[in-house]
Protein backbone atom coordinates (compact mmCIF):
# COMPACT_ATOMS: atom_id res chain seq x y z
CA MET A 1 122.73 60.06 96.68
CA ASP A 2 124.78 57.94 99.04
CA THR A 3 122.40 55.27 100.38
CA SER A 4 124.54 54.84 103.50
CA ILE A 5 123.32 58.23 104.76
CA ASN A 6 120.15 58.11 106.82
CA ARG A 7 118.52 61.30 105.50
CA ASN A 8 115.36 60.92 107.64
CA ARG A 9 117.41 60.61 110.86
CA LEU A 10 119.65 63.61 110.00
CA PHE A 11 116.57 65.74 109.03
CA VAL A 12 114.75 64.88 112.32
CA GLY A 13 117.91 65.69 114.25
CA SER A 14 118.14 68.97 112.41
CA CYS A 15 114.55 69.82 113.37
CA PHE A 16 115.28 69.12 117.07
CA ALA A 17 118.37 71.31 116.80
CA LEU A 18 116.20 74.14 115.49
CA ILE A 19 113.61 73.43 118.26
CA THR A 20 116.47 73.83 120.75
CA THR A 21 117.25 77.25 119.22
CA ALA A 22 113.67 78.35 119.32
CA MET A 23 113.00 77.17 122.83
CA ALA A 24 116.06 79.05 124.06
CA PHE A 25 114.55 82.15 122.46
CA ALA A 26 111.11 81.66 123.96
CA ILE A 27 112.13 80.60 127.42
CA ARG A 28 114.67 83.38 127.72
CA ALA A 29 111.84 85.79 126.98
CA GLY A 30 109.67 83.97 129.60
CA VAL A 31 112.24 84.20 132.41
CA LEU A 32 113.54 87.68 131.65
CA THR A 33 111.57 89.30 134.46
CA GLN A 34 112.70 86.57 136.88
CA LEU A 35 116.34 87.15 135.92
CA GLY A 36 115.94 90.82 136.58
CA LYS A 37 114.64 90.16 140.06
CA GLU A 38 117.12 87.36 140.85
CA PHE A 39 120.20 89.40 139.94
CA ALA A 40 118.81 92.90 140.59
CA LEU A 41 119.24 93.88 136.90
CA ASN A 42 117.47 96.81 135.35
CA ALA A 43 115.98 96.66 131.75
CA THR A 44 119.06 98.07 130.21
CA GLU A 45 121.22 95.33 131.69
CA LEU A 46 118.67 92.71 130.62
CA GLY A 47 118.98 94.27 127.17
CA TYR A 48 122.66 93.49 127.14
CA VAL A 49 121.87 89.88 128.18
CA ASN A 50 119.52 89.55 125.31
CA GLN A 51 122.02 91.22 123.00
CA MET A 52 124.55 88.42 123.53
CA ALA A 53 122.12 85.78 122.18
CA PHE A 54 121.46 87.75 118.98
CA LEU A 55 125.19 88.70 118.63
CA GLY A 56 126.45 85.08 119.00
CA PHE A 57 124.17 83.97 116.19
CA PRO A 58 125.66 86.05 113.34
CA ILE A 59 129.21 85.58 114.55
CA ALA A 60 128.61 81.78 114.40
CA MET A 61 127.16 82.09 110.88
CA ILE A 62 130.10 84.26 109.69
CA ILE A 63 132.53 81.61 110.98
CA GLY A 64 130.56 78.45 110.23
CA GLY A 65 129.10 79.36 106.85
CA PRO A 66 132.34 79.91 104.92
CA LEU A 67 133.90 76.87 106.68
CA TYR A 68 131.11 74.49 105.73
CA ASN A 69 132.83 73.13 102.60
CA ALA A 70 136.10 72.59 104.51
CA LEU A 71 134.85 71.20 107.85
CA GLY A 72 131.53 69.58 106.69
CA PRO A 73 128.21 69.59 108.54
CA LYS A 74 129.24 66.92 111.13
CA ARG A 75 131.90 69.01 112.80
CA ILE A 76 129.84 72.19 112.77
CA ALA A 77 126.79 70.38 114.14
CA TRP A 78 128.86 69.00 117.06
CA VAL A 79 130.27 72.49 117.78
CA ALA A 80 126.57 73.65 117.94
CA PHE A 81 125.78 70.99 120.53
CA ALA A 82 128.88 71.70 122.58
CA THR A 83 128.16 75.44 122.81
CA HIS A 84 124.45 74.83 123.39
CA PHE A 85 125.28 72.46 126.28
CA LEU A 86 127.96 74.79 127.75
CA GLY A 87 125.81 77.89 127.49
CA LEU A 88 122.70 76.31 129.02
CA VAL A 89 124.61 74.77 131.95
CA MET A 90 126.45 78.05 132.61
CA THR A 91 123.14 79.90 132.56
CA ILE A 92 121.64 77.53 135.10
CA PHE A 93 124.58 78.05 137.48
CA ALA A 94 125.06 81.75 136.63
CA GLY A 95 126.26 83.80 139.51
CA GLY A 96 125.46 87.27 138.13
CA PHE A 97 125.38 89.69 135.19
CA TRP A 98 128.76 88.79 133.64
CA THR A 99 128.13 85.05 133.82
CA LEU A 100 124.77 85.55 132.11
CA LEU A 101 126.43 87.60 129.38
CA LEU A 102 128.94 84.88 128.59
CA SER A 103 126.52 81.96 128.91
CA THR A 104 123.91 83.63 126.72
CA PHE A 105 126.56 84.34 124.04
CA PHE A 106 127.41 80.63 123.98
CA VAL A 107 123.76 79.70 123.45
CA GLY A 108 123.49 82.30 120.68
CA PHE A 109 126.66 80.94 119.04
CA GLY A 110 125.17 77.43 119.20
CA ASN A 111 121.96 78.70 117.58
CA GLY A 112 124.03 80.21 114.76
CA MET A 113 126.06 77.03 114.26
CA VAL A 114 122.76 75.05 113.91
CA GLU A 115 121.82 77.24 111.00
CA ALA A 116 125.37 77.08 109.50
CA ALA A 117 125.31 73.27 109.59
CA CYS A 118 121.70 72.31 108.91
CA ASN A 119 120.60 74.66 106.10
CA PRO A 120 123.32 73.55 103.60
CA MET A 121 123.24 69.95 104.87
CA ILE A 122 119.54 69.67 103.99
CA ALA A 123 120.23 71.25 100.63
CA ASP A 124 123.00 68.67 100.10
CA MET A 125 120.70 65.75 101.02
CA TYR A 126 117.86 66.55 98.63
CA ASP A 127 117.49 67.57 95.00
CA GLY A 128 115.22 69.92 93.03
CA ASN A 129 111.83 71.01 94.41
CA VAL A 130 112.27 68.47 97.33
CA THR A 131 115.06 70.72 98.66
CA THR A 132 112.73 73.73 98.97
CA LYS A 133 109.97 71.61 100.49
CA MET A 134 112.32 70.13 103.13
CA LEU A 135 113.93 73.51 103.96
CA ASN A 136 110.41 74.94 104.45
CA ARG A 137 109.52 72.09 106.78
CA PHE A 138 112.78 72.54 108.60
CA HIS A 139 112.23 76.36 109.09
CA MET A 140 108.67 75.76 110.33
CA TRP A 141 110.22 74.57 113.58
CA PHE A 142 111.55 77.94 114.53
CA PRO A 143 108.16 79.48 115.15
CA GLY A 144 106.95 76.00 116.13
CA GLY A 145 109.64 75.58 118.77
CA ILE A 146 108.88 79.04 120.15
CA VAL A 147 105.28 77.88 120.69
CA ILE A 148 106.49 74.84 122.57
CA GLY A 149 108.92 76.97 124.65
CA SER A 150 106.29 79.62 125.35
CA LEU A 151 103.76 77.16 126.66
CA VAL A 152 106.39 75.26 128.66
CA SER A 153 107.55 78.56 130.28
CA LYS A 154 104.04 79.58 131.10
CA PHE A 155 102.97 76.34 132.68
CA MET A 156 106.30 76.02 134.60
CA THR A 157 106.02 79.55 135.88
CA ASP A 158 102.40 79.03 136.92
CA ALA A 159 103.48 75.83 138.69
CA GLY A 160 106.00 77.87 140.71
CA LEU A 161 109.05 76.40 139.00
CA GLY A 162 112.00 78.77 138.73
CA TRP A 163 113.96 79.98 135.80
CA GLN A 164 116.75 77.41 136.31
CA ALA A 165 114.36 74.58 135.80
CA GLN A 166 112.94 76.25 132.69
CA ILE A 167 116.39 76.74 131.21
CA GLY A 168 117.17 73.12 132.00
CA VAL A 169 114.20 71.94 129.94
CA ILE A 170 116.08 73.26 126.78
CA LEU A 171 118.64 70.54 127.36
CA ILE A 172 116.03 67.94 126.43
CA PRO A 173 115.74 68.79 122.69
CA ALA A 174 119.54 69.38 122.65
CA ALA A 175 120.14 65.85 123.97
CA ILE A 176 117.66 64.49 121.36
CA TYR A 177 119.39 66.06 118.39
CA ALA A 178 122.75 64.90 119.68
CA PHE A 179 121.29 61.35 119.85
CA TYR A 180 120.01 61.60 116.28
CA PHE A 181 123.34 62.81 115.01
CA LEU A 182 125.45 60.40 117.04
CA GLY A 183 127.26 57.79 114.83
CA GLN A 184 125.62 59.03 111.59
CA LYS A 185 127.37 59.51 108.27
CA PHE A 186 126.84 63.07 107.00
CA PRO A 187 126.49 64.09 103.36
CA ALA A 188 129.47 65.63 101.44
CA SER A 189 129.12 69.22 100.34
CA LYS A 190 127.87 69.80 96.78
CA VAL A 191 130.65 72.02 95.53
CA GLU A 192 128.90 72.86 92.29
CA GLY A 193 129.60 75.40 89.53
CA GLY A 194 128.44 79.01 89.84
CA HIS A 195 129.81 82.34 90.94
CA SER A 196 133.01 82.45 92.98
CA THR A 197 133.06 83.95 96.49
CA SER A 198 134.84 86.99 95.13
CA GLU A 199 132.08 87.54 92.56
CA ASN A 200 129.48 87.09 95.31
CA LEU A 201 131.16 89.74 97.49
CA LYS A 202 131.49 92.15 94.51
CA SER A 203 127.78 91.74 93.80
CA MET A 204 126.96 92.56 97.44
CA LEU A 205 128.33 96.06 96.81
CA SER A 206 125.36 96.93 94.61
CA PRO A 207 123.06 99.70 95.87
CA LEU A 208 120.03 97.37 95.86
CA TYR A 209 121.80 94.83 98.11
CA ILE A 210 123.00 97.53 100.51
CA PHE A 211 119.42 98.95 100.60
CA MET A 212 118.06 95.47 101.40
CA LEU A 213 120.64 95.14 104.24
CA ALA A 214 119.37 98.32 105.75
CA CYS A 215 115.77 97.14 105.42
CA MET A 216 116.65 93.67 106.94
CA ALA A 217 117.97 95.53 110.02
CA LEU A 218 114.54 97.09 110.48
CA THR A 219 112.38 94.02 109.55
CA ALA A 220 114.23 91.85 112.10
CA ILE A 221 113.89 94.26 115.03
CA SER A 222 110.22 94.82 114.08
CA GLU A 223 109.72 91.07 114.54
CA PHE A 224 112.07 90.29 117.43
CA GLY A 225 111.76 93.55 119.41
CA PRO A 226 108.23 93.06 120.72
CA THR A 227 108.52 89.26 121.02
CA GLN A 228 111.76 89.12 122.97
CA TRP A 229 110.53 91.72 125.45
CA VAL A 230 106.96 90.42 125.69
CA GLY A 231 107.21 89.64 129.40
CA PRO A 232 108.50 93.01 130.77
CA ILE A 233 106.47 95.06 128.27
CA LEU A 234 103.05 93.24 128.29
CA GLY A 235 103.29 91.67 131.82
CA ARG A 236 100.79 94.17 133.21
CA ALA A 237 98.52 94.53 130.13
CA GLY A 238 95.96 92.00 131.43
CA ALA A 239 96.98 89.21 129.08
CA SER A 240 99.45 86.36 129.51
CA PRO A 241 102.76 87.34 127.78
CA MET A 242 103.80 83.76 126.99
CA LEU A 243 100.33 82.90 125.52
CA ILE A 244 100.75 86.04 123.36
CA LEU A 245 104.18 84.81 122.20
CA ALA A 246 102.73 81.34 121.59
CA LEU A 247 99.86 82.93 119.58
CA VAL A 248 102.08 85.07 117.45
CA THR A 249 104.67 82.41 116.62
CA GLY A 250 101.94 79.71 116.19
CA LEU A 251 100.23 81.83 113.52
CA MET A 252 103.66 82.45 111.95
CA ALA A 253 104.33 78.70 111.75
CA VAL A 254 100.97 77.98 110.16
CA GLY A 255 101.33 80.92 107.74
CA ARG A 256 104.82 79.98 106.65
CA TYR A 257 104.01 76.26 106.22
CA PHE A 258 100.77 76.61 104.25
CA ALA A 259 101.11 79.91 102.45
CA GLY A 260 104.74 79.85 101.47
CA PRO A 261 104.13 78.76 97.86
CA ILE A 262 101.44 81.37 97.46
CA VAL A 263 103.67 84.15 98.65
CA HIS A 264 106.40 82.96 96.33
CA ARG A 265 104.09 83.43 93.37
CA LEU A 266 103.20 86.94 94.47
CA ASN A 267 105.36 90.05 93.93
CA PRO A 268 107.79 89.95 96.88
CA THR A 269 107.94 93.77 97.06
CA GLY A 270 104.26 93.99 97.41
CA VAL A 271 104.30 91.36 100.22
CA LEU A 272 107.06 93.36 102.01
CA TRP A 273 105.16 96.60 101.64
CA GLY A 274 101.90 95.14 102.90
CA SER A 275 103.69 93.42 105.81
CA ALA A 276 105.25 96.68 106.93
CA VAL A 277 101.82 98.37 107.05
CA ILE A 278 100.16 95.51 108.96
CA THR A 279 103.16 95.23 111.36
CA CYS A 280 103.06 98.97 112.16
CA LEU A 281 99.31 98.75 112.79
CA GLY A 282 99.72 95.64 114.99
CA ILE A 283 102.46 97.19 117.19
CA PHE A 284 100.47 100.45 117.52
CA LEU A 285 97.31 98.56 118.59
CA MET A 286 99.33 96.53 121.16
CA SER A 287 100.73 99.74 122.62
CA ARG A 288 97.16 100.87 123.30
CA ALA A 289 95.40 97.60 124.20
CA THR A 290 94.71 95.92 127.50
CA GLY A 291 92.94 92.64 128.42
CA GLY A 292 91.53 90.59 125.56
CA MET A 293 92.27 93.19 122.95
CA VAL A 294 96.02 92.52 123.42
CA TYR A 295 95.44 89.09 121.82
CA ALA A 296 93.52 90.60 118.88
CA SER A 297 96.34 93.13 118.35
CA ALA A 298 98.91 90.32 118.54
CA VAL A 299 97.11 88.46 115.73
CA ILE A 300 97.46 91.57 113.51
CA PHE A 301 101.09 91.85 114.46
CA ALA A 302 101.65 88.13 113.62
CA ILE A 303 100.12 88.47 110.16
CA GLY A 304 102.39 91.49 109.59
CA VAL A 305 105.78 89.92 110.51
CA CYS A 306 104.93 86.40 109.27
CA TYR A 307 106.56 86.77 105.86
CA PHE A 308 109.18 89.45 106.56
CA TRP A 309 112.19 87.10 107.06
CA PRO A 310 111.56 84.53 104.30
CA THR A 311 110.56 87.18 101.76
CA MET A 312 113.65 89.25 102.47
CA VAL A 313 115.87 86.19 101.74
CA GLY A 314 113.72 85.26 98.82
CA PHE A 315 114.11 88.68 97.34
CA VAL A 316 117.84 88.42 97.45
CA ALA A 317 117.72 84.98 95.84
CA GLU A 318 115.42 86.13 93.08
CA TYR A 319 116.61 89.67 92.24
CA LEU A 320 120.28 89.48 93.44
CA PRO A 321 121.26 85.97 92.42
CA ARG A 322 124.96 86.87 91.86
CA THR A 323 125.37 87.42 95.57
CA GLY A 324 124.89 83.60 95.98
CA ALA A 325 124.63 81.76 99.29
CA VAL A 326 127.00 84.25 100.82
CA GLY A 327 124.56 87.06 100.11
CA MET A 328 121.63 85.14 101.68
CA SER A 329 123.77 84.29 104.75
CA ILE A 330 124.87 87.91 105.27
CA ILE A 331 121.27 89.23 104.91
CA GLY A 332 120.19 86.79 107.72
CA GLY A 333 123.24 87.72 109.77
CA MET A 334 122.37 91.40 109.45
CA GLY A 335 118.92 90.66 110.83
CA MET A 336 120.33 88.95 113.95
CA PHE A 337 123.07 91.56 114.39
CA SER A 338 120.63 94.45 114.16
CA THR A 339 118.43 92.73 116.72
CA SER A 340 121.39 92.42 119.11
CA ILE A 341 122.26 96.09 118.72
CA PHE A 342 118.74 97.25 119.64
CA GLN A 343 118.35 95.06 122.75
CA PRO A 344 119.96 97.41 125.30
CA ILE A 345 118.32 100.40 123.50
CA ILE A 346 114.87 98.92 123.98
CA GLY A 347 115.88 98.20 127.67
CA GLY A 348 116.89 101.85 128.03
CA TRP A 349 113.55 102.99 126.68
CA LEU A 350 111.74 100.76 129.24
CA ASP A 351 113.82 102.11 132.11
CA ASN A 352 113.35 105.70 131.06
CA GLU A 353 109.58 105.22 130.72
CA LYS A 354 109.37 103.67 134.18
CA ALA A 355 111.18 106.67 135.59
CA ALA A 356 108.78 108.97 133.69
CA ALA A 357 105.73 107.00 134.98
CA THR A 358 107.07 107.27 138.55
CA ALA A 359 107.47 111.05 138.04
CA ARG A 360 103.78 111.18 137.08
CA ASN A 361 103.01 109.54 140.49
CA LEU A 362 102.19 106.16 138.92
CA THR A 363 103.24 103.19 141.00
CA GLY A 364 103.47 99.38 140.81
CA ALA A 365 101.50 97.73 138.02
CA ASP A 366 100.29 101.07 136.67
CA ALA A 367 103.78 102.32 136.14
CA GLU A 368 104.94 99.12 134.49
CA LEU A 369 101.91 99.15 132.14
CA ALA A 370 102.48 102.72 131.12
CA ALA A 371 106.20 102.05 130.56
CA GLY A 372 105.49 98.94 128.49
CA GLN A 373 102.94 100.71 126.25
CA ALA A 374 105.21 103.66 125.73
CA THR A 375 108.11 101.37 124.72
CA LEU A 376 105.91 99.61 122.18
CA GLY A 377 105.00 103.04 120.84
CA TYR A 378 108.68 103.64 120.18
CA MET A 379 108.81 100.33 118.32
CA THR A 380 106.38 101.46 115.68
CA ILE A 381 109.18 103.71 114.33
CA PHE A 382 110.89 100.60 112.71
CA PRO A 383 107.91 99.39 110.50
CA ALA A 384 106.87 103.05 109.85
CA ILE A 385 110.25 103.60 108.15
CA LEU A 386 109.80 100.36 106.23
CA ILE A 387 106.40 101.53 104.92
CA VAL A 388 108.27 104.35 103.16
CA ALA A 389 111.28 102.21 102.10
CA PHE A 390 109.26 99.30 100.74
CA GLY A 391 106.86 101.70 99.04
CA ILE A 392 109.81 103.16 97.08
CA LEU A 393 111.15 99.69 96.38
CA TYR A 394 107.80 98.50 95.07
CA PHE A 395 107.57 101.33 92.44
CA VAL A 396 111.29 101.08 91.54
CA MET A 397 111.11 97.28 90.95
CA ARG A 398 107.81 97.61 89.07
CA LYS A 399 109.37 100.17 86.76
CA ARG A 400 112.51 97.93 86.27
CA SER A 401 110.19 94.97 85.43
CA ALA A 402 108.21 97.05 82.90
CA GLU A 403 111.49 98.22 81.19
CA HIS A 404 112.76 94.62 81.11
CA SER A 405 109.51 93.50 79.42
CA LYS A 406 109.80 96.24 76.79
CA LEU A 407 113.40 95.11 76.01
CA GLN A 408 112.29 91.46 75.55
CA GLN A 409 109.52 92.53 73.12
CA ALA A 410 111.80 94.80 71.16
């Protein structure tokens, strides 16, 4: 390893870059209701604003991932900072719906560029088991950063500070990661042997990989649907939406940091199947709960979604290794792309349910509560489908494992 590279400084900078990504996610969820009032936007229009963040992410990964070997992490990381800075400043000075769409896309693009630069850079800086350990520590800061952003948004809102000030806070970790990266020598890409990109793409045409892509679309929206809409949906449920978001993501951070090796030793398909059942139960309970029971339901939901994302990526790495890094990048991109597609759909559900509540002579907070609970009820569809899909996957993979064992014994 090149001793002129300050690995610790680059790693800390990467963590602050991911915190920037996570805080953007959390604070956007926290100010969504304020944005709706400020610009007279309905829930469907707010859904399109959310969509831009999740759409920018996979587009950045599709562009930045394949160019990593050619451009190197330094250039990609500075593109991430430039688009983060541009998007956040444009959001602060937004004049309406269309400006919000563009600015939010830039923030999402910056988020994706952070992943495109930092994941392979960390892999290039470390070897062996240390790589896995450092990547786990890096990814802990996504839920960890959401906890920070959620609490910041809550306290600033309670203090009467507007959405512009809250968006401005995200510039702080962005400036910190720029400082850590400034003037540093970045590692060269490890272009090692293995399967070519064409072989990776050919392997991605397998029925199992396509099946996992479809499942990833549903696991991602099961996780990000309730959390990104936590304010409009649970704002009248008698619990603090941002404390719920902090609770959910805090539990996810702890679970991923301490239980990752345990989950790795377990059957991934069993983890996915169990996660689908618990997630479905958690969303269902949240759609019925008010007051303190919302927090209890959120804990169940957090346990359910905690291992969805890392286990899906881990499944691809373990059972579909010929898809390579491209396969893992595309599975993650599918998760974010799916989440972007469903944002205006969720907003439409919320608008329709508000109209239905009004037609039942409900008004004010009662109408908003009824609409939010009904919208959560719709979201149980996603994990309910996964219960069936992962159940089938569990038995198929168990049968395949048994047949493989017989062949080895023969």
